PDB file of N, CA and C in Angstrom:
ATOM      1  N   MET A   1      91.358  83.469 106.717  1.00  0.00           N
ATOM      2  CA  MET A   1      91.255  84.883 106.432  1.00  0.00           C
ATOM      3  C   MET A   1      90.956  85.120 104.958  1.00  0.00           C
ATOM      4  N   HIS A   2      91.748  84.511 104.116  1.00  0.00           N
ATOM      5  CA  HIS A   2      91.598  84.699 102.684  1.00  0.00           C
ATOM      6  C   HIS A   2      90.187  84.319 102.236  1.00  0.00           C
ATOM      7  N   GLU A   3      89.712  83.178 102.693  1.00  0.00           N
ATOM      8  CA  GLU A   3      88.396  82.704 102.310  1.00  0.00           C
ATOM      9  C   GLU A   3      87.293  83.638 102.810  1.00  0.00           C
ATOM     10  N   ILE A   4      87.437  84.138 104.011  1.00  0.00           N
ATOM     11  CA  ILE A   4      86.433  85.054 104.567  1.00  0.00           C
ATOM     12  C   ILE A   4      86.338  86.316 103.719  1.00  0.00           C
ATOM     13  N   CYS A   5      87.486  86.887 103.397  1.00  0.00           N
ATOM     14  CA  CYS A   5      87.487  88.116 102.593  1.00  0.00           C
ATOM     15  C   CYS A   5      86.925  87.865 101.195  1.00  0.00           C
ATOM     16  N   LEU A   6      87.309  86.774 100.580  1.00  0.00           N
ATOM     17  CA  LEU A   6      86.821  86.476  99.231  1.00  0.00           C
ATOM     18  C   LEU A   6      85.327  86.163  99.224  1.00  0.00           C
ATOM     19  N   ALA A   7      84.817  85.592 100.315  1.00  0.00           N
ATOM     20  CA  ALA A   7      83.395  85.260 100.390  1.00  0.00           C
ATOM     21  C   ALA A   7      82.524  86.495 100.570  1.00  0.00           C
ATOM     22  N   ALA A   8      83.110  87.616 100.908  1.00  0.00           N
ATOM     23  CA  ALA A   8      82.353  88.857 101.101  1.00  0.00           C
ATOM     24  C   ALA A   8      82.094  89.496  99.742  1.00  0.00           C
ATOM     25  N   THR A   9      81.208  88.880  98.969  1.00  0.00           N
ATOM     26  CA  THR A   9      80.997  89.292  97.583  1.00  0.00           C
ATOM     27  C   THR A   9      80.361  90.671  97.440  1.00  0.00           C
ATOM     28  N   GLU A  10      79.807  91.199  98.519  1.00  0.00           N
ATOM     29  CA  GLU A  10      79.239  92.550  98.458  1.00  0.00           C
ATOM     30  C   GLU A  10      80.323  93.620  98.554  1.00  0.00           C
ATOM     31  N   HIS A  11      81.562  93.168  98.743  1.00  0.00           N
ATOM     32  CA  HIS A  11      82.703  94.075  98.830  1.00  0.00           C
ATOM     33  C   HIS A  11      83.754  93.653  97.823  1.00  0.00           C
ATOM     34  N   ILE A  12      84.581  94.596  97.449  1.00  0.00           N
ATOM     35  CA  ILE A  12      85.752  94.294  96.634  1.00  0.00           C
ATOM     36  C   ILE A  12      86.908  94.173  97.608  1.00  0.00           C
ATOM     37  N   THR A  13      87.616  93.072  97.552  1.00  0.00           N
ATOM     38  CA  THR A  13      88.680  92.792  98.511  1.00  0.00           C
ATOM     39  C   THR A  13      89.993  92.584  97.788  1.00  0.00           C
ATOM     40  N   ILE A  14      91.043  93.164  98.317  1.00  0.00           N
ATOM     41  CA  ILE A  14      92.387  92.961  97.779  1.00  0.00           C
ATOM     42  C   ILE A  14      93.216  92.351  98.886  1.00  0.00           C
ATOM     43  N   LEU A  15      93.733  91.162  98.656  1.00  0.00           N
ATOM     44  CA  LEU A  15      94.572  90.510  99.654  1.00  0.00           C
ATOM     45  C   LEU A  15      96.004  90.478  99.154  1.00  0.00           C
ATOM     46  N   ASN A  16      96.923  90.761 100.060  1.00  0.00           N
ATOM     47  CA  ASN A  16      98.351  90.742  99.759  1.00  0.00           C
ATOM     48  C   ASN A  16      98.698  91.622  98.572  1.00  0.00           C
ATOM     49  N   GLY A  17      97.950  92.708  98.415  1.00  0.00           N
ATOM     50  CA  GLY A  17      98.228  93.657  97.350  1.00  0.00           C
ATOM     51  C   GLY A  17      98.952  94.862  97.897  1.00  0.00           C
ATOM     52  N   ARG A  18      99.676  95.507  97.053  1.00  0.00           N
ATOM     53  CA  ARG A  18     100.368  96.732  97.459  1.00  0.00           C
ATOM     54  C   ARG A  18      99.458  97.911  97.195  1.00  0.00           C
ATOM     55  N   PHE A  19      99.590  98.908  97.989  1.00  0.00           N
ATOM     56  CA  PHE A  19      98.773 100.101  97.878  1.00  0.00           C
ATOM     57  C   PHE A  19      99.622 101.275  98.318  1.00  0.00           C
ATOM     58  N   LYS A  20      99.144 102.456  98.013  1.00  0.00           N
ATOM     59  CA  LYS A  20      99.888 103.643  98.420  1.00  0.00           C
ATOM     60  C   LYS A  20      99.997 103.659  99.931  1.00  0.00           C
ATOM     61  N   GLY A  21     101.146 103.933 100.425  1.00  0.00           N
ATOM     62  CA  GLY A  21     101.373 103.879 101.868  1.00  0.00           C
ATOM     63  C   GLY A  21     101.905 102.501 102.215  1.00  0.00           C
ATOM     64  N   GLY A  22     101.311 101.860 103.195  1.00  0.00           N
ATOM     65  CA  GLY A  22     101.703 100.509 103.559  1.00  0.00           C
ATOM     66  C   GLY A  22     102.996 100.431 104.350  1.00  0.00           C
ATOM     67  N   TRP A  23     103.396 101.517 104.978  1.00  0.00           N
ATOM     68  CA  TRP A  23     104.645 101.516 105.741  1.00  0.00           C
ATOM     69  C   TRP A  23     104.627 100.448 106.829  1.00  0.00           C
ATOM     70  N   THR A  24     103.514 100.314 107.519  1.00  0.00           N
ATOM     71  CA  THR A  24     103.427  99.362 108.622  1.00  0.00           C
ATOM     72  C   THR A  24     103.661  97.937 108.141  1.00  0.00           C
ATOM     73  N   THR A  25     102.999  97.550 107.069  1.00  0.00           N
ATOM     74  CA  THR A  25     103.147  96.178 106.590  1.00  0.00           C
ATOM     75  C   THR A  25     104.554  95.921 106.066  1.00  0.00           C
ATOM     76  N   ARG A  26     105.131  96.883 105.377  1.00  0.00           N
ATOM     77  CA  ARG A  26     106.494  96.695 104.872  1.00  0.00           C
ATOM     78  C   ARG A  26     107.514  96.717 106.000  1.00  0.00           C
ATOM     79  N   ASN A  27     107.282  97.542 106.999  1.00  0.00           N
ATOM     80  CA  ASN A  27     108.246  97.703 108.083  1.00  0.00           C
ATOM     81  C   ASN A  27     108.214  96.531 109.067  1.00  0.00           C
ATOM     82  N   TYR A  28     107.018  96.075 109.418  1.00  0.00           N
ATOM     83  CA  TYR A  28     106.891  95.059 110.460  1.00  0.00           C
ATOM     84  C   TYR A  28     106.646  93.651 109.926  1.00  0.00           C
ATOM     85  N   GLY A  29     106.021  93.527 108.785  1.00  0.00           N
ATOM     86  CA  GLY A  29     105.731  92.208 108.252  1.00  0.00           C
ATOM     87  C   GLY A  29     106.975  91.547 107.677  1.00  0.00           C
ATOM     88  N   GLN A  30     107.327  90.400 108.217  1.00  0.00           N
ATOM     89  CA  GLN A  30     108.463  89.611 107.739  1.00  0.00           C
ATOM     90  C   GLN A  30     108.026  88.153 107.684  1.00  0.00           C
ATOM     91  N   PRO A  31     107.202  87.804 106.678  1.00  0.00           N
ATOM     92  CA  PRO A  31     106.641  86.448 106.617  1.00  0.00           C
ATOM     93  C   PRO A  31     107.693  85.347 106.653  1.00  0.00           C
ATOM     94  N   THR A  32     108.865  85.572 106.073  1.00  0.00           N
ATOM     95  CA  THR A  32     109.888  84.522 106.095  1.00  0.00           C
ATOM     96  C   THR A  32     110.400  84.260 107.504  1.00  0.00           C
ATOM     97  N   ALA A  33     110.229  85.242 108.401  1.00  0.00           N
ATOM     98  CA  ALA A  33     110.612  85.072 109.808  1.00  0.00           C
ATOM     99  C   ALA A  33     109.388  84.768 110.668  1.00  0.00           C
ATOM    100  N   ASN A  34     108.268  84.416 110.018  1.00  0.00           N
ATOM    101  CA  ASN A  34     107.005  84.120 110.686  1.00  0.00           C
ATOM    102  C   ASN A  34     106.484  85.297 111.507  1.00  0.00           C
ATOM    103  N   THR A  35     106.789  86.503 111.056  1.00  0.00           N
ATOM    104  CA  THR A  35     106.238  87.718 111.651  1.00  0.00           C
ATOM    105  C   THR A  35     105.336  88.336 110.600  1.00  0.00           C
ATOM    106  N   HIS A  36     104.048  88.337 110.902  1.00  0.00           N
ATOM    107  CA  HIS A  36     103.063  88.769 109.913  1.00  0.00           C
ATOM    108  C   HIS A  36     102.380  90.046 110.360  1.00  0.00           C
ATOM    109  N   ASP A  37     101.726  90.686 109.429  1.00  0.00           N
ATOM    110  CA  ASP A  37     101.085  91.960 109.699  1.00  0.00           C
ATOM    111  C   ASP A  37      99.750  92.033 108.971  1.00  0.00           C
ATOM    112  N   ILE A  38      98.806  92.688 109.586  1.00  0.00           N
ATOM    113  CA  ILE A  38      97.509  92.943 108.950  1.00  0.00           C
ATOM    114  C   ILE A  38      97.311  94.446 108.891  1.00  0.00           C
ATOM    115  N   GLN A  39      96.911  94.914 107.740  1.00  0.00           N
ATOM    116  CA  GLN A  39      96.495  96.306 107.616  1.00  0.00           C
ATOM    117  C   GLN A  39      95.173  96.285 106.880  1.00  0.00           C
ATOM    118  N   MET A  40      94.152  96.823 107.500  1.00  0.00           N
ATOM    119  CA  MET A  40      92.830  96.865 106.882  1.00  0.00           C
ATOM    120  C   MET A  40      92.463  98.309 106.638  1.00  0.00           C
ATOM    121  N   GLU A  41      92.001  98.574 105.435  1.00  0.00           N
ATOM    122  CA  GLU A  41      91.543  99.909 105.089  1.00  0.00           C
ATOM    123  C   GLU A  41      90.116  99.801 104.589  1.00  0.00           C
ATOM    124  N   LEU A  42      89.273 100.665 105.068  1.00  0.00           N
ATOM    125  CA  LEU A  42      87.866 100.655 104.685  1.00  0.00           C
ATOM    126  C   LEU A  42      87.519 101.979 104.022  1.00  0.00           C
ATOM    127  N   THR A  43      86.771 101.910 102.940  1.00  0.00           N
ATOM    128  CA  THR A  43      86.315 103.137 102.321  1.00  0.00           C
ATOM    129  C   THR A  43      85.112 103.676 103.077  1.00  0.00           C
ATOM    130  N   GLN A  44      84.873 104.928 102.895  1.00  0.00           N
ATOM    131  CA  GLN A  44      83.743 105.594 103.537  1.00  0.00           C
ATOM    132  C   GLN A  44      82.432 104.905 103.176  1.00  0.00           C
ATOM    133  N   SER A  45      82.330 104.373 101.970  1.00  0.00           N
ATOM    134  CA  SER A  45      81.071 103.775 101.512  1.00  0.00           C
ATOM    135  C   SER A  45      80.731 102.472 102.220  1.00  0.00           C
ATOM    136  N   THR A  46      81.629 101.932 103.042  1.00  0.00           N
ATOM    137  CA  THR A  46      81.306 100.689 103.737  1.00  0.00           C
ATOM    138  C   THR A  46      80.288 100.890 104.857  1.00  0.00           C
ATOM    139  N   ASP A  47      80.141 102.130 105.336  1.00  0.00           N
ATOM    140  CA  ASP A  47      79.181 102.339 106.428  1.00  0.00           C
ATOM    141  C   ASP A  47      78.472 103.688 106.396  1.00  0.00           C
ATOM    142  N   MET A  48      78.663 104.455 105.323  1.00  0.00           N
ATOM    143  CA  MET A  48      78.003 105.758 105.267  1.00  0.00           C
ATOM    144  C   MET A  48      77.866 106.243 103.827  1.00  0.00           C
ATOM    145  N   ALA A  49      77.022 107.240 103.641  1.00  0.00           N
ATOM    146  CA  ALA A  49      76.862 107.847 102.323  1.00  0.00           C
ATOM    147  C   ALA A  49      78.134 108.605 101.967  1.00  0.00           C
ATOM    148  N   GLU A  50      78.455 108.624 100.683  1.00  0.00           N
ATOM    149  CA  GLU A  50      79.668 109.300 100.252  1.00  0.00           C
ATOM    150  C   GLU A  50      79.425 110.741  99.814  1.00  0.00           C
ATOM    151  N   ALA A  51      78.237 111.222 100.078  1.00  0.00           N
ATOM    152  CA  ALA A  51      77.917 112.605  99.734  1.00  0.00           C
ATOM    153  C   ALA A  51      77.258 113.268 100.941  1.00  0.00           C
ATOM    154  N   SER A  52      77.327 114.564 100.964  1.00  0.00           N
ATOM    155  CA  SER A  52      76.729 115.335 102.041  1.00  0.00           C
ATOM    156  C   SER A  52      75.257 114.971 102.170  1.00  0.00           C
ATOM    157  N   PRO A  53      74.788 114.716 103.355  1.00  0.00           N
ATOM    158  CA  PRO A  53      75.353 114.982 104.669  1.00  0.00           C
ATOM    159  C   PRO A  53      76.100 113.789 105.263  1.00  0.00           C
ATOM    160  N   TRP A  54      76.593 112.854 104.445  1.00  0.00           N
ATOM    161  CA  TRP A  54      77.410 111.727 104.889  1.00  0.00           C
ATOM    162  C   TRP A  54      76.732 110.945 106.021  1.00  0.00           C
ATOM    163  N   THR A  55      75.503 110.575 105.777  1.00  0.00           N
ATOM    164  CA  THR A  55      74.716 109.888 106.795  1.00  0.00           C
ATOM    165  C   THR A  55      75.179 108.446 106.996  1.00  0.00           C
ATOM    166  N   TYR A  56      75.041 108.008 108.218  1.00  0.00           N
ATOM    167  CA  TYR A  56      75.367 106.637 108.600  1.00  0.00           C
ATOM    168  C   TYR A  56      74.390 105.697 107.913  1.00  0.00           C
ATOM    169  N   ASP A  57      74.880 104.649 107.303  1.00  0.00           N
ATOM    170  CA  ASP A  57      74.051 103.688 106.581  1.00  0.00           C
ATOM    171  C   ASP A  57      74.000 102.390 107.389  1.00  0.00           C
ATOM    172  N   THR A  58      72.938 102.215 108.146  1.00  0.00           N
ATOM    173  CA  THR A  58      72.832 101.079 109.062  1.00  0.00           C
ATOM    174  C   THR A  58      72.943  99.724 108.356  1.00  0.00           C
ATOM    175  N   PRO A  59      72.246  99.476 107.231  1.00  0.00           N
ATOM    176  CA  PRO A  59      72.396  98.158 106.577  1.00  0.00           C
ATOM    177  C   PRO A  59      73.838  97.882 106.142  1.00  0.00           C
ATOM    178  N   ARG A  60      74.499  98.870 105.590  1.00  0.00           N
ATOM    179  CA  ARG A  60      75.896  98.672 105.183  1.00  0.00           C
ATOM    180  C   ARG A  60      76.788  98.447 106.397  1.00  0.00           C
ATOM    181  N   ALA A  61      76.588  99.231 107.429  1.00  0.00           N
ATOM    182  CA  ALA A  61      77.409  99.090 108.635  1.00  0.00           C
ATOM    183  C   ALA A  61      77.183  97.732 109.294  1.00  0.00           C
ATOM    184  N   ASP A  62      75.936  97.265 109.322  1.00  0.00           N
ATOM    185  CA  ASP A  62      75.645  95.953 109.900  1.00  0.00           C
ATOM    186  C   ASP A  62      76.342  94.850 109.115  1.00  0.00           C
ATOM    187  N   ASN A  63      76.321  94.967 107.806  1.00  0.00           N
ATOM    188  CA  ASN A  63      76.994  93.993 106.950  1.00  0.00           C
ATOM    189  C   ASN A  63      78.497  94.000 107.207  1.00  0.00           C
ATOM    190  N   LEU A  64      79.075  95.173 107.300  1.00  0.00           N
ATOM    191  CA  LEU A  64      80.509  95.302 107.561  1.00  0.00           C
ATOM    192  C   LEU A  64      80.856  94.768 108.949  1.00  0.00           C
ATOM    193  N   ARG A  65      80.019  95.062 109.928  1.00  0.00           N
ATOM    194  CA  ARG A  65      80.249  94.585 111.294  1.00  0.00           C
ATOM    195  C   ARG A  65      80.352  93.066 111.325  1.00  0.00           C
ATOM    196  N   GLN A  66      79.487  92.388 110.588  1.00  0.00           N
ATOM    197  CA  GLN A  66      79.514  90.930 110.540  1.00  0.00           C
ATOM    198  C   GLN A  66      80.797  90.429 109.881  1.00  0.00           C
ATOM    199  N   LEU A  67      81.203  91.064 108.793  1.00  0.00           N
ATOM    200  CA  LEU A  67      82.439  90.672 108.111  1.00  0.00           C
ATOM    201  C   LEU A  67      83.645  90.855 109.021  1.00  0.00           C
ATOM    202  N   LEU A  68      83.744  91.999 109.675  1.00  0.00           N
ATOM    203  CA  LEU A  68      84.876  92.251 110.575  1.00  0.00           C
ATOM    204  C   LEU A  68      84.864  91.281 111.758  1.00  0.00           C
ATOM    205  N   SER A  69      83.687  90.973 112.258  1.00  0.00           N
ATOM    206  CA  SER A  69      83.570  90.004 113.346  1.00  0.00           C
ATOM    207  C   SER A  69      84.092  88.638 112.902  1.00  0.00           C
ATOM    208  N   ASN A  70      83.739  88.219 111.697  1.00  0.00           N
ATOM    209  CA  ASN A  70      84.219  86.934 111.180  1.00  0.00           C
ATOM    210  C   ASN A  70      85.739  86.919 111.038  1.00  0.00           C
ATOM    211  N   ILE A  71      86.309  88.015 110.581  1.00  0.00           N
ATOM    212  CA  ILE A  71      87.763  88.105 110.436  1.00  0.00           C
ATOM    213  C   ILE A  71      88.433  88.006 111.803  1.00  0.00           C
ATOM    214  N   LEU A  72      87.927  88.741 112.773  1.00  0.00           N
ATOM    215  CA  LEU A  72      88.518  88.710 114.116  1.00  0.00           C
ATOM    216  C   LEU A  72      88.365  87.340 114.774  1.00  0.00           C
ATOM    217  N   LYS A  73      87.227  86.691 114.567  1.00  0.00           N
ATOM    218  CA  LYS A  73      87.036  85.341 115.116  1.00  0.00           C
ATOM    219  C   LYS A  73      88.013  84.354 114.487  1.00  0.00           C
ATOM    220  N   ALA A  74      88.249  84.489 113.181  1.00  0.00           N
ATOM    221  CA  ALA A  74      89.201  83.598 112.509  1.00  0.00           C
ATOM    222  C   ALA A  74      90.614  83.831 113.043  1.00  0.00           C
ATOM    223  N   LEU A  75      90.982  85.079 113.259  1.00  0.00           N
ATOM    224  CA  LEU A  75      92.303  85.376 113.824  1.00  0.00           C
ATOM    225  C   LEU A  75      92.422  84.830 115.242  1.00  0.00           C
ATOM    226  N   ASP A  76      91.369  85.004 116.032  1.00  0.00           N
ATOM    227  CA  ASP A  76      91.381  84.489 117.394  1.00  0.00           C
ATOM    228  C   ASP A  76      91.556  82.973 117.392  1.00  0.00           C
ATOM    229  N   TYR A  77      90.864  82.285 116.487  1.00  0.00           N
ATOM    230  CA  TYR A  77      90.991  80.836 116.384  1.00  0.00           C
ATOM    231  C   TYR A  77      92.442  80.443 116.068  1.00  0.00           C
ATOM    232  N   LEU A  78      93.060  81.153 115.133  1.00  0.00           N
ATOM    233  CA  LEU A  78      94.445  80.847 114.771  1.00  0.00           C
ATOM    234  C   LEU A  78      95.389  81.076 115.944  1.00  0.00           C
ATOM    235  N   VAL A  79      95.111  82.091 116.745  1.00  0.00           N
ATOM    236  CA  VAL A  79      95.936  82.342 117.929  1.00  0.00           C
ATOM    237  C   VAL A  79      95.678  81.263 118.977  1.00  0.00           C
ATOM    238  N   GLN A  80      94.411  80.946 119.237  1.00  0.00           N
ATOM    239  CA  GLN A  80      94.063  79.960 120.261  1.00  0.00           C
ATOM    240  C   GLN A  80      94.605  78.567 119.941  1.00  0.00           C
ATOM    241  N   THR A  81      94.703  78.242 118.654  1.00  0.00           N
ATOM    242  CA  THR A  81      95.205  76.927 118.258  1.00  0.00           C
ATOM    243  C   THR A  81      96.723  76.911 118.062  1.00  0.00           C
ATOM    244  N   GLY A  82      97.368  78.052 118.293  1.00  0.00           N
ATOM    245  CA  GLY A  82      98.824  78.108 118.202  1.00  0.00           C
ATOM    246  C   GLY A  82      99.382  78.293 116.806  1.00  0.00           C
ATOM    247  N   VAL A  83      98.516  78.469 115.820  1.00  0.00           N
ATOM    248  CA  VAL A  83      98.988  78.688 114.450  1.00  0.00           C
ATOM    249  C   VAL A  83      99.687  80.042 114.350  1.00  0.00           C
ATOM    250  N   LEU A  84      99.135  81.018 115.038  1.00  0.00           N
ATOM    251  CA  LEU A  84      99.722  82.354 115.065  1.00  0.00           C
ATOM    252  C   LEU A  84      99.986  82.764 116.504  1.00  0.00           C
ATOM    253  N   GLN A  85     100.968  83.614 116.676  1.00  0.00           N
ATOM    254  CA  GLN A  85     101.200  84.227 117.977  1.00  0.00           C
ATOM    255  C   GLN A  85     100.579  85.612 117.935  1.00  0.00           C
ATOM    256  N   TRP A  86      99.977  86.018 119.044  1.00  0.00           N
ATOM    257  CA  TRP A  86      99.306  87.311 119.071  1.00  0.00           C
ATOM    258  C   TRP A  86     100.306  88.415 119.323  1.00  0.00           C
ATOM    259  N   SER A  87     100.725  89.044 118.325  1.00  0.00           N
ATOM    260  CA  SER A  87     101.510  90.269 118.416  1.00  0.00           C
ATOM    261  C   SER A  87     101.288  91.004 117.115  1.00  0.00           C
ATOM    262  N   ILE A  88     101.854  90.479 116.071  1.00  0.00           N
ATOM    263  CA  ILE A  88     101.616  91.041 114.745  1.00  0.00           C
ATOM    264  C   ILE A  88     101.212  89.873 113.854  1.00  0.00           C
ATOM    265  N   VAL A  89     100.150  90.034 113.119  1.00  0.00           N
ATOM    266  CA  VAL A  89      99.588  88.954 112.312  1.00  0.00           C
ATOM    267  C   VAL A  89      99.475  89.405 110.840  1.00  0.00           C
ATOM    268  N   ALA A  90      99.272  88.514 109.815  1.00  0.00           N
ATOM    269  CA  ALA A  90      99.576  88.765 108.397  1.00  0.00           C
ATOM    270  C   ALA A  90      98.526  88.860 107.333  1.00  0.00           C
ATOM    271  N   THR A  91      98.423  89.772 106.582  1.00  0.00           N
ATOM    272  CA  THR A  91      97.644  89.920 105.364  1.00  0.00           C
ATOM    273  C   THR A  91      97.168  91.352 105.274  1.00  0.00           C
ATOM    274  N   THR A  92      97.236  91.850 104.111  1.00  0.00           N
ATOM    275  CA  THR A  92      96.672  93.165 103.846  1.00  0.00           C
ATOM    276  C   THR A  92      95.311  92.917 103.228  1.00  0.00           C
ATOM    277  N   CYS A  93      94.301  93.515 103.779  1.00  0.00           N
ATOM    278  CA  CYS A  93      92.942  93.308 103.297  1.00  0.00           C
ATOM    279  C   CYS A  93      92.295  94.680 103.166  1.00  0.00           C
ATOM    280  N   MET A  94      92.099  95.115 101.944  1.00  0.00           N
ATOM    281  CA  MET A  94      91.426  96.393 101.733  1.00  0.00           C
ATOM    282  C   MET A  94      90.001  96.072 101.303  1.00  0.00           C
ATOM    283  N   ILE A  95      89.043  96.746 101.879  1.00  0.00           N
ATOM    284  CA  ILE A  95      87.633  96.449 101.613  1.00  0.00           C
ATOM    285  C   ILE A  95      86.967  97.687 101.031  1.00  0.00           C
ATOM    286  N   PHE A  96      86.376  97.533  99.861  1.00  0.00           N
ATOM    287  CA  PHE A  96      85.648  98.604  99.213  1.00  0.00           C
ATOM    288  C   PHE A  96      84.227  98.128  99.028  1.00  0.00           C
ATOM    289  N   SER A  97      83.277  98.951  99.389  1.00  0.00           N
ATOM    290  CA  SER A  97      81.886  98.548  99.313  1.00  0.00           C
ATOM    291  C   SER A  97      81.368  98.659  97.882  1.00  0.00           C
ATOM    292  N   ARG A  98      80.633  97.642  97.463  1.00  0.00           N
ATOM    293  CA  ARG A  98      79.874  97.741  96.220  1.00  0.00           C
ATOM    294  C   ARG A  98      78.521  98.323  96.595  1.00  0.00           C
ATOM    295  N   PRO A  99      77.876  99.004  95.679  1.00  0.00           N
ATOM    296  CA  PRO A  99      76.550  99.553  96.015  1.00  0.00           C
ATOM    297  C   PRO A  99      75.592  98.432  96.409  1.00  0.00           C
ATOM    298  N   LEU A 100      74.844  98.656  97.470  1.00  0.00           N
ATOM    299  CA  LEU A 100      73.824  97.689  97.875  1.00  0.00           C
ATOM    300  C   LEU A 100      72.583  97.886  97.036  1.00  0.00           C
ATOM    301  N   ALA A 101      71.875  96.802  96.767  1.00  0.00           N
ATOM    302  CA  ALA A 101      70.631  96.897  96.029  1.00  0.00           C
ATOM    303  C   ALA A 101      69.624  97.684  96.856  1.00  0.00           C
ATOM    304  N   SER A 102      68.860  98.547  96.213  1.00  0.00           N
ATOM    305  CA  SER A 102      67.865  99.320  96.962  1.00  0.00           C
ATOM    306  C   SER A 102      66.723  98.408  97.366  1.00  0.00           C
ATOM    307  N   THR A 103      66.127  98.719  98.511  1.00  0.00           N
ATOM    308  CA  THR A 103      65.045  97.879  99.027  1.00  0.00           C
ATOM    309  C   THR A 103      63.704  98.525  98.787  1.00  0.00           C
TER     310      THR A 103
END
């Protein structure tokens, strides 16, 4: 998970960081008891314009879709191999989009 998020250089990623809110991760995540939690937050800029008319940005959304797919596949692998149990799983990953180069 950590490597996948860090490899997404087109995004700014914060792992295991505290942020405003976070009730779910603090309430349910108990890593010392092997109970982990994931909370992912995405900014509007990851898949759409941040100004009116807030249009859907297909290249950004496609890029994000691939990143999220990789994260879910990695989690599935950890569950399938018995490393994690599927109920609540661990890491806070906030993703903020960097501006894409114009084409």
